[in-house]
Amino acid sequence: MGVSKKGCSCRNIGLFYRVTMMILLVFSKDEQMADEQKAAVREIEALLDAGDVSTLREQLKNRRSSDIAEVVSVVDNEQRRMIFDALEKPVSAEVLEKVDEATRGELFEILEDEELTSLIVHLDADDAADVLMELPADEVAEVLEHIPAEDSAQIRDLMSYPEDSAGGIMETVLLSVSEEATVSEAVNKIRAAEIDEDFYSVFVVDKAGRFLGDVRVRLLLTRPENTRVSELIDPDTIYVVANDDQERVRNVFRDNDLIVVPVLDRYHRLIGRITADRIIEVADEEAAEDIYVMAGTDADELDDVSVLRAARIRMTWLLPCLCGTGVTALVMTFFRGHSLAIYVAAVAFVPMIAAMSGNAGLQTSAIVVSGLATGHLAAERLGQVFAREVRIALLVAASCGTIGSLVCSVLVHFLNSTLPVEPIRLVLAFGTAMFSAIMVATTLGLFLPFLFRRIGIDPAISSGPLVTTANDSISVTIYLSLTLLLVG
């Protein structure tokens, strides 16, 4: 099934052991590596300040494109211009692809159209498509007009897929042979292929280009030359469809220990492949996106250097939260007509109710969101998740209600002389309200991720400030209603 790491398990066990031991050393060297990197940046900046282009060119030759990209991210546009003038075109293209989107947006401003076109030519089609998708449509069209027609067609095809789909992250560089080919013909095709990418299997298609399966390179090297490729096909090869969401693709890799997976179109024709290194990037992107959403901001904030735009993105989330807190204040004001002493005593415990219920709901939603994001089957079944989380919520709510009641009893003891009712009634009301608020918050944290996913909204939003603020208003309403009902 696909190309699996299990096929070389013995070597990987040894490799895993060595890597594990190396990780222990890496942690001890992090500070040293950071200092070396800072020293390199200072050295390059000194050459940039001095305008010593010849020495700069020699220094950059000894640096990886990823290291140069980090330097480009911290210098100004004038110095970036000097760096790109000192670099060879292939390296400049790699640097352009590796910098963050905010830096790349500034590079678009300093690179001439002809220069940008010359850099795009040196990128793989999938990388070129990713870069061009950040440009306005008219500039994209102009760039594509000045590159070879074959490359242009590949890039256009890739850009036609959603950015977060299998088609949007695939690469079109692959090896495929006809089912009628022999092992000898397949090996000769591998030798004649002019590709720089590593490959782990050869994909097999029929006369119409429909995907039949793959053949591992190991089999091509160990079987007689006149053996038909069709006899070596793995019929259970795992594949994905171009419109599949990248989260599903990531889960396919994780669940099946894959290194590469073929990408098919809706007609079952082979159109590309996705490798594990690309999936690592996808996992980072998805994790970062969920963190941004749960924090009440957006990944787009990092794609632009404008502080005004960043503030606008944050305020888009914070303004509704401000309105939500206003609703909470309105709810509290609504109950002020009761006994002042009871009201003051009840309001004193509002932060405790809101915080505990909000945190309980957040814990539940975080568990459900994580399960949905990673594709765990249990998280896909609402009934199964409900049965588990409700039992947990009952234990948590009962514990918090009991402990909270004890805390409340100690605190109201000091108000005994000023309360017009027996303290035990306030304590009972508080404990009941704490239990009820946590149960309601947990229920929201459980159902909202499923609801959001059903209507096409990122489930991570259910753990964000908007829902948390709404949960505060609901829990405070429950608390004050029960308190004043049982006490007043």
Protein backbone atom coordinates (compact mmCIF):
# COMPACT_ATOMS: atom_id res chain seq x y z
CA MET A 1 0.00 0.00 0.00
CA GLY A 2 1.84 3.09 -1.19
CA VAL A 3 5.49 3.47 -0.35
CA SER A 4 5.86 2.65 3.34
CA LYS A 5 8.64 3.24 5.79
CA LYS A 6 8.05 -0.31 6.96
CA GLY A 7 9.74 -1.54 3.82
CA CYS A 8 13.07 -0.56 5.33
CA SER A 9 12.18 -1.00 9.01
CA CYS A 10 15.50 -2.44 10.15
CA ARG A 11 17.46 0.48 8.79
CA ASN A 12 14.89 2.93 10.16
CA ILE A 13 15.08 1.45 13.68
CA GLY A 14 18.80 2.07 13.69
CA LEU A 15 18.29 5.49 12.19
CA PHE A 16 15.65 6.31 14.78
CA TYR A 17 18.03 5.34 17.58
CA ARG A 18 20.80 7.52 16.19
CA VAL A 19 18.46 10.46 15.62
CA THR A 20 17.10 10.15 19.17
CA MET A 21 20.61 10.30 20.59
CA MET A 22 21.46 13.24 18.36
CA ILE A 23 18.40 15.17 19.57
CA LEU A 24 19.85 15.17 23.08
CA LEU A 25 22.99 16.78 21.70
CA VAL A 26 21.03 19.25 19.58
CA PHE A 27 19.31 20.75 22.61
CA SER A 28 22.67 21.43 24.19
CA LYS A 29 23.89 23.11 21.01
CA ASP A 30 20.85 25.30 20.32
CA GLU A 31 22.34 28.35 22.00
CA GLN A 32 25.65 27.89 20.19
CA MET A 33 23.89 27.55 16.82
CA ALA A 34 21.84 30.66 17.54
CA ASP A 35 25.01 32.60 18.34
CA GLU A 36 26.66 31.37 15.14
CA GLN A 37 23.63 32.41 13.14
CA LYS A 38 23.61 35.86 14.71
CA ALA A 39 27.32 36.18 13.99
CA ALA A 40 26.72 35.27 10.34
CA VAL A 41 23.94 37.86 10.09
CA ARG A 42 26.19 40.52 11.62
CA GLU A 43 28.99 39.61 9.22
CA ILE A 44 26.73 39.88 6.17
CA GLU A 45 25.20 43.11 7.46
CA ALA A 46 28.69 44.55 7.89
CA LEU A 47 29.46 43.75 4.24
CA LEU A 48 26.14 45.29 3.21
CA ASP A 49 26.87 48.47 5.17
CA ALA A 50 30.32 48.67 3.61
CA GLY A 51 28.93 48.07 0.14
CA ASP A 52 31.51 45.34 -0.46
CA VAL A 53 29.62 43.41 -3.13
CA SER A 54 32.51 41.18 -4.23
CA THR A 55 33.20 39.89 -0.72
CA LEU A 56 29.48 39.59 -0.11
CA ARG A 57 29.14 37.43 -3.20
CA GLU A 58 31.86 35.09 -1.94
CA GLN A 59 30.29 34.90 1.51
CA LEU A 60 26.86 34.07 0.13
CA LYS A 61 28.25 31.25 -1.99
CA ASN A 62 29.07 29.38 1.21
CA ARG A 63 25.61 29.84 2.70
CA ARG A 64 22.51 27.71 2.28
CA SER A 65 19.53 29.37 0.66
CA SER A 66 17.55 28.92 3.90
CA ASP A 67 20.24 30.83 5.83
CA ILE A 68 20.25 33.61 3.23
CA ALA A 69 16.44 33.77 3.43
CA GLU A 70 16.68 34.43 7.17
CA VAL A 71 19.12 37.27 6.56
CA VAL A 72 16.87 38.73 3.85
CA SER A 73 13.99 38.72 6.35
CA VAL A 74 15.79 41.05 8.80
CA VAL A 75 17.51 43.59 6.53
CA ASP A 76 16.00 46.57 4.73
CA ASN A 77 14.98 46.72 1.08
CA GLU A 78 18.17 48.42 -0.05
CA GLN A 79 20.26 45.66 1.46
CA ARG A 80 17.92 43.03 0.03
CA ARG A 81 18.56 44.52 -3.37
CA MET A 82 22.30 44.14 -2.86
CA ILE A 83 21.90 40.52 -1.78
CA PHE A 84 19.83 39.59 -4.83
CA ASP A 85 22.34 41.34 -7.09
CA ALA A 86 25.11 39.24 -5.56
CA LEU A 87 23.31 35.91 -5.87
CA GLU A 88 23.06 33.65 -8.87
CA LYS A 89 19.57 33.32 -10.31
CA PRO A 90 18.86 29.74 -9.12
CA VAL A 91 19.83 30.64 -5.56
CA SER A 92 17.84 33.88 -5.70
CA ALA A 93 14.80 31.87 -6.77
CA GLU A 94 15.22 29.52 -3.79
CA VAL A 95 15.56 32.46 -1.42
CA LEU A 96 12.42 34.07 -2.84
CA GLU A 97 10.50 30.85 -2.23
CA LYS A 98 11.85 30.30 1.32
CA VAL A 99 11.26 33.74 2.87
CA ASP A 100 8.02 34.40 4.75
CA GLU A 101 5.08 35.92 2.90
CA ALA A 102 5.48 39.36 4.45
CA THR A 103 9.10 39.58 3.28
CA ARG A 104 8.19 38.17 -0.11
CA GLY A 105 5.57 40.89 -0.48
CA GLU A 106 8.29 43.51 -0.01
CA LEU A 107 10.58 41.70 -2.45
CA PHE A 108 7.86 41.91 -5.09
CA GLU A 109 8.13 45.69 -4.76
CA ILE A 110 11.88 45.81 -5.43
CA LEU A 111 12.11 43.12 -8.10
CA GLU A 112 11.52 44.20 -11.69
CA ASP A 113 8.99 42.24 -13.73
CA GLU A 114 11.70 40.75 -15.94
CA GLU A 115 13.75 39.74 -12.92
CA LEU A 116 10.78 38.16 -11.21
CA THR A 117 10.02 36.19 -14.37
CA SER A 118 13.62 34.95 -14.56
CA LEU A 119 13.40 33.75 -10.96
CA ILE A 120 10.08 31.97 -11.45
CA VAL A 121 11.61 30.00 -14.31
CA HIS A 122 14.12 28.46 -11.89
CA LEU A 123 11.43 27.23 -9.48
CA ASP A 124 9.60 23.94 -9.63
CA ALA A 125 6.05 24.30 -10.91
CA ASP A 126 4.48 23.74 -7.48
CA ASP A 127 6.75 26.29 -5.78
CA ALA A 128 6.22 28.76 -8.62
CA ALA A 129 2.45 28.40 -8.26
CA ASP A 130 2.66 29.06 -4.50
CA VAL A 131 4.68 32.22 -5.08
CA LEU A 132 2.53 33.55 -7.92
CA MET A 133 -0.69 33.07 -5.96
CA GLU A 134 0.46 35.95 -3.76
CA LEU A 135 0.53 38.35 -6.72
CA PRO A 136 -2.41 40.24 -8.26
CA ALA A 137 -4.04 38.44 -11.19
CA ASP A 138 -2.78 40.92 -13.80
CA GLU A 139 0.83 40.52 -12.68
CA VAL A 140 0.49 36.73 -12.64
CA ALA A 141 -0.76 36.79 -16.23
CA GLU A 142 2.15 38.98 -17.29
CA VAL A 143 4.71 36.68 -15.67
CA LEU A 144 3.19 33.55 -17.19
CA GLU A 145 3.26 35.10 -20.65
CA HIS A 146 7.04 35.36 -20.53
CA ILE A 147 7.90 31.82 -19.44
CA PRO A 148 7.90 28.67 -21.61
CA ALA A 149 4.45 27.50 -22.59
CA GLU A 150 4.85 24.04 -21.05
CA ASP A 151 5.92 25.47 -17.68
CA SER A 152 3.20 28.08 -17.84
CA ALA A 153 0.53 25.44 -18.45
CA GLN A 154 1.71 23.39 -15.46
CA ILE A 155 1.67 26.42 -13.18
CA ARG A 156 -1.80 27.45 -14.36
CA ASP A 157 -3.11 23.93 -13.69
CA LEU A 158 -1.71 23.98 -10.16
CA MET A 159 -3.11 27.43 -9.45
CA SER A 160 -6.57 26.25 -10.49
CA TYR A 161 -6.82 24.10 -7.34
CA PRO A 162 -7.64 25.50 -3.90
CA GLU A 163 -4.51 26.39 -2.00
CA ASP A 164 -5.34 24.00 0.86
CA SER A 165 -6.25 21.01 -1.33
CA ALA A 166 -4.23 18.02 -2.50
CA GLY A 167 -4.00 19.60 -5.95
CA GLY A 168 -2.75 22.84 -4.41
CA ILE A 169 0.16 21.17 -2.59
CA MET A 170 1.11 18.47 -5.09
CA GLU A 171 4.07 18.51 -7.44
CA THR A 172 3.76 17.41 -11.05
CA VAL A 173 7.22 15.88 -11.27
CA LEU A 174 6.73 12.10 -11.33
CA LEU A 175 7.61 8.90 -13.15
CA SER A 176 4.93 6.78 -14.76
CA VAL A 177 4.98 3.87 -17.19
CA SER A 178 2.39 1.93 -19.15
CA GLU A 179 1.10 -1.34 -17.73
CA GLU A 180 2.39 -3.05 -20.87
CA ALA A 181 5.99 -1.96 -20.26
CA THR A 182 8.65 -4.42 -19.14
CA VAL A 183 11.03 -4.00 -16.23
CA SER A 184 13.80 -3.20 -18.69
CA GLU A 185 11.76 -0.44 -20.33
CA ALA A 186 10.80 0.99 -16.95
CA VAL A 187 14.43 1.10 -15.80
CA ASN A 188 15.50 2.74 -19.04
CA LYS A 189 12.81 5.39 -18.54
CA ILE A 190 14.15 6.08 -15.08
CA ARG A 191 17.66 6.48 -16.46
CA ALA A 192 16.48 8.84 -19.18
CA ALA A 193 14.36 10.97 -16.86
CA GLU A 194 15.75 14.48 -16.34
CA ILE A 195 14.42 15.19 -12.87
CA ASP A 196 16.17 16.45 -9.76
CA GLU A 197 13.59 15.14 -7.31
CA ASP A 198 13.97 11.88 -5.41
CA PHE A 199 11.44 9.18 -6.19
CA TYR A 200 10.54 5.96 -4.41
CA SER A 201 8.29 4.16 -6.84
CA VAL A 202 7.13 4.20 -10.43
CA PHE A 203 3.44 4.83 -11.04
CA VAL A 204 1.63 2.63 -13.56
CA VAL A 205 -1.17 3.88 -15.82
CA ASP A 206 -3.29 2.38 -18.57
CA LYS A 207 -3.56 3.67 -22.13
CA ALA A 208 -6.04 6.37 -21.07
CA GLY A 209 -3.72 7.61 -18.33
CA ARG A 210 -5.85 6.16 -15.53
CA PHE A 211 -3.95 5.15 -12.44
CA LEU A 212 -3.54 1.43 -11.79
CA GLY A 213 -1.07 1.35 -8.91
CA ASP A 214 2.64 1.67 -8.29
CA VAL A 215 5.72 -0.51 -8.50
CA ARG A 216 8.52 -0.06 -6.01
CA VAL A 217 11.96 0.58 -7.37
CA ARG A 218 13.25 -2.40 -5.37
CA LEU A 219 11.13 -4.74 -7.50
CA LEU A 220 12.37 -3.18 -10.73
CA LEU A 221 15.95 -3.86 -9.65
CA THR A 222 15.38 -7.45 -8.55
CA ARG A 223 13.04 -8.90 -11.18
CA PRO A 224 14.00 -10.26 -14.63
CA GLU A 225 14.19 -7.60 -17.33
CA ASN A 226 11.43 -9.15 -19.44
CA THR A 227 8.90 -9.16 -16.58
CA ARG A 228 5.77 -7.13 -17.29
CA VAL A 229 5.26 -4.16 -15.00
CA SER A 230 1.59 -5.14 -14.71
CA GLU A 231 2.68 -8.26 -12.80
CA LEU A 232 4.40 -6.15 -10.14
CA ILE A 233 1.67 -3.58 -9.50
CA ASP A 234 0.54 -3.12 -5.93
CA PRO A 235 -3.26 -3.11 -6.36
CA ASP A 236 -3.80 -1.60 -2.91
CA THR A 237 -1.78 1.55 -3.55
CA ILE A 238 -3.16 4.42 -1.48
CA TYR A 239 -3.97 7.59 -3.39
CA VAL A 240 -5.70 10.92 -2.86
CA VAL A 241 -7.92 13.01 -5.11
CA ALA A 242 -6.95 16.52 -6.18
CA ASN A 243 -9.88 18.14 -4.36
CA ASP A 244 -9.18 16.39 -1.05
CA ASP A 245 -8.49 18.80 1.81
CA GLN A 246 -4.85 18.94 2.86
CA GLU A 247 -5.82 17.91 6.39
CA ARG A 248 -7.16 14.62 5.02
CA VAL A 249 -3.97 14.14 3.01
CA ARG A 250 -1.91 14.71 6.15
CA ASN A 251 -3.97 12.11 8.00
CA VAL A 252 -3.52 9.62 5.15
CA PHE A 253 0.25 9.98 5.43
CA ARG A 254 0.17 9.63 9.21
CA ASP A 255 -2.15 6.64 9.31
CA ASN A 256 -0.30 4.66 6.63
CA ASP A 257 3.36 5.64 7.22
CA LEU A 258 3.72 6.92 3.68
CA ILE A 259 6.62 8.69 2.04
CA VAL A 260 4.79 9.58 -1.17
CA VAL A 261 1.22 9.36 -2.41
CA PRO A 262 -0.12 9.79 -5.97
CA VAL A 263 -2.74 12.46 -6.73
CA LEU A 264 -5.58 11.65 -9.12
CA ASP A 265 -8.21 13.78 -10.81
CA ARG A 266 -11.93 13.01 -10.79
CA TYR A 267 -11.46 10.71 -13.80
CA HIS A 268 -8.90 8.63 -11.88
CA ARG A 269 -6.05 9.94 -14.02
CA LEU A 270 -2.62 10.45 -12.50
CA ILE A 271 -1.77 14.17 -12.28
CA GLY A 272 0.84 14.51 -9.54
CA ARG A 273 2.31 13.33 -6.28
CA ILE A 274 2.75 14.57 -2.73
CA THR A 275 5.82 13.76 -0.66
CA ALA A 276 6.25 13.57 3.10
CA ASP A 277 8.38 16.72 3.31
CA ARG A 278 5.48 18.73 1.89
CA ILE A 279 3.14 17.18 4.46
CA ILE A 280 5.43 18.36 7.25
CA GLU A 281 4.91 21.90 5.98
CA VAL A 282 1.15 21.32 5.81
CA ALA A 283 1.09 20.06 9.41
CA ASP A 284 2.94 23.20 10.54
CA GLU A 285 0.55 25.43 8.61
CA GLU A 286 -2.57 23.72 9.97
CA ALA A 287 -1.30 23.77 13.56
CA ALA A 288 -0.37 27.45 13.30
CA GLU A 289 -3.72 28.32 11.73
CA ASP A 290 -5.64 26.62 14.56
CA ILE A 291 -3.53 28.42 17.16
CA TYR A 292 -4.21 31.79 15.51
CA VAL A 293 -7.95 31.12 15.36
CA MET A 294 -8.10 29.93 18.98
CA ALA A 295 -6.18 33.04 20.04
CA GLY A 296 -8.59 35.30 18.19
CA THR A 297 -6.38 36.43 15.34
CA ASP A 298 -5.50 35.31 11.82
CA ALA A 299 -2.47 33.87 10.06
CA ASP A 300 -2.83 36.70 7.51
CA GLU A 301 -1.47 39.01 10.19
CA LEU A 302 2.01 37.58 9.60
CA ASP A 303 1.74 37.92 5.84
CA ASP A 304 1.92 41.71 5.93
CA VAL A 305 4.34 44.09 7.65
CA SER A 306 1.69 46.77 8.15
CA VAL A 307 0.91 47.27 11.85
CA LEU A 308 -2.36 48.94 10.86
CA ARG A 309 -3.48 45.85 8.99
CA ALA A 310 -2.41 43.61 11.88
CA ALA A 311 -4.38 45.79 14.32
CA ARG A 312 -7.41 45.67 12.02
CA ILE A 313 -7.29 41.86 11.91
CA ARG A 314 -7.15 41.63 15.70
CA MET A 315 -9.90 44.18 16.20
CA THR A 316 -12.12 42.17 13.85
CA TRP A 317 -12.16 39.55 16.58
CA LEU A 318 -11.95 41.82 19.62
CA LEU A 319 -14.85 44.14 18.79
CA PRO A 320 -17.46 41.35 18.93
CA CYS A 321 -15.86 40.24 22.19
CA LEU A 322 -16.27 43.78 23.50
CA CYS A 323 -19.94 43.66 22.58
CA GLY A 324 -20.22 40.27 24.29
CA THR A 325 -18.79 41.59 27.54
CA GLY A 326 -21.29 44.42 27.25
CA VAL A 327 -24.05 41.80 27.15
CA THR A 328 -22.63 40.28 30.33
CA ALA A 329 -22.69 43.67 32.02
CA LEU A 330 -26.27 44.16 30.84
CA VAL A 331 -27.25 40.81 32.32
CA MET A 332 -25.72 41.77 35.66
CA THR A 333 -27.50 45.12 35.60
CA PHE A 334 -30.82 43.39 34.95
CA PHE A 335 -30.66 41.63 38.32
CA ARG A 336 -29.75 44.68 40.37
CA GLY A 337 -33.36 45.29 41.50
CA HIS A 338 -33.10 42.63 44.20
CA SER A 339 -31.73 43.03 47.70
CA LEU A 340 -28.53 45.03 47.49
CA ALA A 341 -26.73 42.85 50.04
CA ILE A 342 -27.65 39.64 48.21
CA TYR A 343 -26.78 41.16 44.85
CA VAL A 344 -23.36 42.34 46.06
CA ALA A 345 -22.61 38.95 47.59
CA ALA A 346 -23.70 37.16 44.41
CA VAL A 347 -21.73 39.46 42.08
CA ALA A 348 -18.57 38.80 44.08
CA PHE A 349 -18.58 35.23 42.77
CA VAL A 350 -19.31 36.07 39.12
CA PRO A 351 -15.61 35.94 38.03
CA MET A 352 -15.28 32.47 39.58
CA ILE A 353 -18.36 31.16 37.76
CA ALA A 354 -17.36 32.69 34.41
CA ALA A 355 -13.74 31.55 34.61
CA MET A 356 -14.46 27.97 35.70
CA SER A 357 -17.27 27.37 33.23
CA GLY A 358 -15.29 29.01 30.42
CA ASN A 359 -12.20 26.91 31.10
CA ALA A 360 -14.26 23.72 31.33
CA GLY A 361 -15.91 24.48 27.99
CA LEU A 362 -12.55 25.36 26.45
CA GLN A 363 -11.05 22.04 27.56
CA THR A 364 -13.86 20.11 25.92
CA SER A 365 -13.79 22.08 22.68
CA ALA A 366 -9.99 21.79 22.48
CA ILE A 367 -10.20 18.00 22.76
CA VAL A 368 -12.92 17.79 20.12
CA VAL A 369 -11.20 20.24 17.76
CA SER A 370 -7.94 18.33 18.05
CA GLY A 371 -9.72 15.06 17.30
CA LEU A 372 -11.48 16.49 14.27
CA ALA A 373 -8.27 18.05 12.96
CA THR A 374 -6.25 14.84 13.27
CA GLY A 375 -9.03 12.72 11.82
CA HIS A 376 -9.40 10.36 14.77
CA LEU A 377 -12.42 8.17 14.13
CA ALA A 378 -13.71 8.55 17.69
CA ALA A 379 -13.90 12.33 17.24
CA GLU A 380 -15.97 11.87 14.10
CA ARG A 381 -18.72 10.07 16.04
CA LEU A 382 -20.78 12.59 17.95
CA GLY A 383 -22.63 9.98 19.99
CA GLN A 384 -19.43 8.30 21.18
CA VAL A 385 -17.77 11.60 22.03
CA PHE A 386 -20.94 12.81 23.76
CA ALA A 387 -21.14 9.72 25.99
CA ARG A 388 -17.54 10.19 27.11
CA GLU A 389 -17.50 13.96 27.56
CA VAL A 390 -20.81 14.12 29.44
CA ARG A 391 -19.53 11.68 32.04
CA ILE A 392 -16.34 13.71 32.40
CA ALA A 393 -18.36 16.92 32.62
CA LEU A 394 -20.56 15.48 35.38
CA LEU A 395 -17.52 14.60 37.47
CA VAL A 396 -15.85 17.97 36.82
CA ALA A 397 -19.03 19.96 37.46
CA ALA A 398 -19.77 18.05 40.67
CA SER A 399 -16.21 18.51 41.92
CA CYS A 400 -16.11 22.22 41.07
CA GLY A 401 -19.58 22.75 42.54
CA THR A 402 -18.61 21.05 45.79
CA ILE A 403 -15.21 22.72 46.17
CA GLY A 404 -16.66 26.07 45.08
CA SER A 405 -19.40 25.76 47.65
CA LEU A 406 -16.81 25.20 50.39
CA VAL A 407 -14.92 28.29 49.27
CA CYS A 408 -18.16 30.25 49.08
CA SER A 409 -19.18 29.14 52.60
CA VAL A 410 -15.91 30.41 54.02
CA LEU A 411 -16.23 33.76 52.27
CA VAL A 412 -19.89 34.40 53.08
CA HIS A 413 -19.14 33.61 56.71
CA PHE A 414 -17.64 37.09 56.96
CA LEU A 415 -20.83 38.57 55.45
CA ASN A 416 -23.17 36.69 57.75
CA SER A 417 -24.22 39.76 59.69
CA THR A 418 -25.04 41.77 56.56
CA LEU A 419 -26.96 39.14 54.60
CA PRO A 420 -30.77 39.19 54.87
CA VAL A 421 -30.89 35.41 54.28
CA GLU A 422 -29.14 32.40 55.72
CA PRO A 423 -25.64 31.93 54.23
CA ILE A 424 -26.38 28.27 53.51
CA ARG A 425 -28.94 29.32 50.91
CA LEU A 426 -26.37 31.45 49.08
CA VAL A 427 -23.84 28.61 49.25
CA LEU A 428 -26.41 26.15 47.89
CA ALA A 429 -27.32 28.55 45.09
CA PHE A 430 -23.66 29.06 44.20
CA GLY A 431 -22.88 25.34 44.10
CA THR A 432 -25.94 24.59 41.96
CA ALA A 433 -25.13 27.46 39.60
CA MET A 434 -21.49 26.35 39.30
CA PHE A 435 -22.59 22.81 38.42
CA SER A 436 -25.17 24.04 35.89
CA ALA A 437 -22.87 26.60 34.25
CA ILE A 438 -20.09 24.04 33.75
CA MET A 439 -22.51 21.52 32.25
CA VAL A 440 -23.88 24.10 29.82
CA ALA A 441 -20.38 25.32 28.89
CA THR A 442 -19.17 21.76 28.34
CA THR A 443 -22.18 21.03 26.15
CA LEU A 444 -21.41 24.07 24.02
CA GLY A 445 -17.75 23.07 23.82
CA LEU A 446 -18.84 19.63 22.65
CA PHE A 447 -21.49 20.49 20.07
CA LEU A 448 -20.18 23.72 18.55
CA PRO A 449 -17.10 22.17 16.84
CA PHE A 450 -19.36 19.58 15.16
CA LEU A 451 -21.86 22.26 14.19
CA PHE A 452 -19.19 24.57 12.77
CA ARG A 453 -17.66 21.76 10.78
CA ARG A 454 -21.06 20.78 9.40
CA ILE A 455 -21.73 24.30 8.09
CA GLY A 456 -18.20 24.71 6.71
CA ILE A 457 -16.61 26.87 9.44
CA ASP A 458 -13.24 26.04 10.97
CA PRO A 459 -14.05 24.13 14.22
CA ALA A 460 -11.12 25.88 15.94
CA ILE A 461 -13.27 29.01 16.10
CA SER A 462 -15.35 27.23 18.76
CA SER A 463 -12.35 27.60 21.07
CA GLY A 464 -11.80 31.25 20.20
CA PRO A 465 -12.65 34.47 22.04
CA LEU A 466 -16.06 34.90 20.39
CA VAL A 467 -17.47 31.66 21.76
CA THR A 468 -15.66 32.10 25.07
CA THR A 469 -17.25 35.52 25.51
CA ALA A 470 -20.69 34.15 24.67
CA ASN A 471 -20.12 31.36 27.17
CA ASP A 472 -19.33 33.92 29.88
CA SER A 473 -22.63 35.70 29.28
CA ILE A 474 -24.58 32.44 29.41
CA SER A 475 -22.86 31.21 32.57
CA VAL A 476 -23.37 34.53 34.38
CA THR A 477 -27.06 34.53 33.40
CA ILE A 478 -27.46 31.00 34.74
CA TYR A 479 -25.62 31.85 37.95
CA LEU A 480 -27.50 35.04 38.78
CA SER A 481 -30.84 33.53 37.83
CA LEU A 482 -30.38 30.50 40.07
CA THR A 483 -28.83 32.50 42.89
CA LEU A 484 -31.58 35.09 43.06
CA LEU A 485 -34.26 32.43 42.51
CA LEU A 486 -33.06 30.27 45.40
CA VAL A 487 -32.06 33.13 47.69
CA GLY A 488 -34.41 35.97 46.85
